[in-house]
Amino acid sequence: MRIAVPNKGRLHEPTIDLLERAGLHLVDAPIASSTRRRPTRT
């Protein structure tokens, strides 16, 4: 299961704490993202 968690900012620590209290222990994993280059008008 993948859960989006903010990686910085004021919501990071409260989110991690909430997930830990819910029994979801996080594993350090590299941040993965896919991007697509779409033509843009200039």
N, C-alpha and C. Protein backbone atom coordinates (compact mmCIF):
# COMPACT_ATOMS: atom_id res chain seq x y z
N MET A 1 0.85 -1.15 0.00
CA MET A 1 0.00 0.00 0.00
C MET A 1 0.90 1.22 0.00
N ARG A 2 0.54 2.21 -0.76
CA ARG A 2 1.28 3.47 -0.77
C ARG A 2 0.40 4.57 -0.18
N ILE A 3 0.99 5.33 0.70
CA ILE A 3 0.28 6.44 1.32
C ILE A 3 1.12 7.69 1.09
N ALA A 4 0.50 8.72 0.59
CA ALA A 4 1.22 9.98 0.37
C ALA A 4 1.40 10.69 1.70
N VAL A 5 2.66 10.99 2.01
CA VAL A 5 3.00 11.69 3.24
C VAL A 5 3.84 12.89 2.87
N PRO A 6 3.50 14.07 3.37
CA PRO A 6 4.33 15.24 3.07
C PRO A 6 5.75 14.99 3.57
N ASN A 7 6.74 15.34 2.74
CA ASN A 7 8.12 15.07 3.13
C ASN A 7 8.77 16.24 3.85
N LYS A 8 8.08 17.36 3.93
CA LYS A 8 8.61 18.49 4.69
C LYS A 8 7.46 19.42 5.04
N GLY A 9 7.73 20.36 5.85
CA GLY A 9 6.70 21.31 6.23
C GLY A 9 6.04 20.96 7.55
N ARG A 10 5.06 21.75 7.89
CA ARG A 10 4.44 21.62 9.22
C ARG A 10 3.57 20.38 9.36
N LEU A 11 3.19 19.72 8.28
CA LEU A 11 2.35 18.53 8.36
C LEU A 11 3.14 17.23 8.43
N HIS A 12 4.45 17.28 8.21
CA HIS A 12 5.25 16.05 8.16
C HIS A 12 5.23 15.29 9.48
N GLU A 13 5.69 15.91 10.54
CA GLU A 13 5.78 15.21 11.83
C GLU A 13 4.42 14.75 12.36
N PRO A 14 3.38 15.60 12.35
CA PRO A 14 2.08 15.12 12.82
C PRO A 14 1.55 13.94 12.00
N THR A 15 1.81 13.93 10.71
CA THR A 15 1.36 12.83 9.86
C THR A 15 2.09 11.55 10.22
N ILE A 16 3.40 11.64 10.41
CA ILE A 16 4.19 10.46 10.79
C ILE A 16 3.72 9.93 12.14
N ASP A 17 3.52 10.82 13.09
CA ASP A 17 3.05 10.41 14.42
C ASP A 17 1.69 9.70 14.34
N LEU A 18 0.78 10.25 13.55
CA LEU A 18 -0.55 9.66 13.41
C LEU A 18 -0.47 8.26 12.81
N LEU A 19 0.33 8.10 11.77
CA LEU A 19 0.47 6.79 11.14
C LEU A 19 1.11 5.78 12.09
N GLU A 20 2.10 6.22 12.85
CA GLU A 20 2.75 5.32 13.82
C GLU A 20 1.75 4.88 14.90
N ARG A 21 0.94 5.81 15.40
CA ARG A 21 -0.05 5.47 16.42
C ARG A 21 -1.12 4.53 15.87
N ALA A 22 -1.36 4.62 14.55
CA ALA A 22 -2.34 3.74 13.91
C ALA A 22 -1.77 2.36 13.63
N GLY A 23 -0.48 2.16 13.93
CA GLY A 23 0.13 0.86 13.73
C GLY A 23 0.83 0.69 12.41
N LEU A 24 0.94 1.76 11.64
CA LEU A 24 1.63 1.70 10.36
C LEU A 24 3.05 2.22 10.55
N HIS A 25 3.99 1.32 10.57
CA HIS A 25 5.38 1.71 10.76
C HIS A 25 6.01 1.94 9.40
N LEU A 26 6.59 3.09 9.24
CA LEU A 26 7.11 3.51 7.94
C LEU A 26 8.50 2.94 7.70
N VAL A 27 8.76 2.66 6.45
CA VAL A 27 10.07 2.20 6.02
C VAL A 27 10.67 3.31 5.18
N ASP A 28 11.92 3.65 5.45
CA ASP A 28 12.58 4.66 4.64
C ASP A 28 12.75 4.13 3.22
N ALA A 29 12.19 4.84 2.29
CA ALA A 29 12.29 4.45 0.89
C ALA A 29 12.56 5.69 0.06
N PRO A 30 13.24 5.53 -1.04
CA PRO A 30 13.47 6.70 -1.88
C PRO A 30 12.16 7.25 -2.42
N ILE A 31 12.13 8.53 -2.57
CA ILE A 31 10.94 9.17 -3.11
C ILE A 31 10.87 8.86 -4.60
N ALA A 32 9.77 8.32 -5.03
CA ALA A 32 9.60 7.98 -6.43
C ALA A 32 8.49 8.84 -7.01
N SER A 33 8.75 9.35 -8.17
CA SER A 33 7.71 10.11 -8.85
C SER A 33 7.89 9.94 -10.34
N SER A 34 6.80 9.98 -11.03
CA SER A 34 6.88 9.91 -12.48
C SER A 34 6.38 11.23 -13.03
N THR A 35 7.06 11.71 -14.00
CA THR A 35 6.65 12.96 -14.63
C THR A 35 6.58 12.73 -16.12
N ARG A 36 5.73 13.45 -16.74
CA ARG A 36 5.61 13.38 -18.19
C ARG A 36 5.86 14.77 -18.73
N ARG A 37 6.65 14.81 -19.73
CA ARG A 37 6.87 16.10 -20.39
C ARG A 37 5.77 16.29 -21.42
N ARG A 38 5.03 17.33 -21.23
CA ARG A 38 3.96 17.64 -22.16
C ARG A 38 4.32 18.93 -22.88
N PRO A 39 3.97 19.00 -24.13
CA PRO A 39 4.24 20.25 -24.85
C PRO A 39 3.49 21.42 -24.21
N THR A 40 4.17 22.52 -24.07
CA THR A 40 3.53 23.71 -23.52
C THR A 40 3.66 24.85 -24.51
N ARG A 41 2.70 25.69 -24.47
CA ARG A 41 2.74 26.88 -25.34
C ARG A 41 3.58 27.95 -24.67
N THR A 42 4.41 28.58 -25.44
CA THR A 42 5.22 29.68 -24.90
C THR A 42 4.93 30.96 -25.61
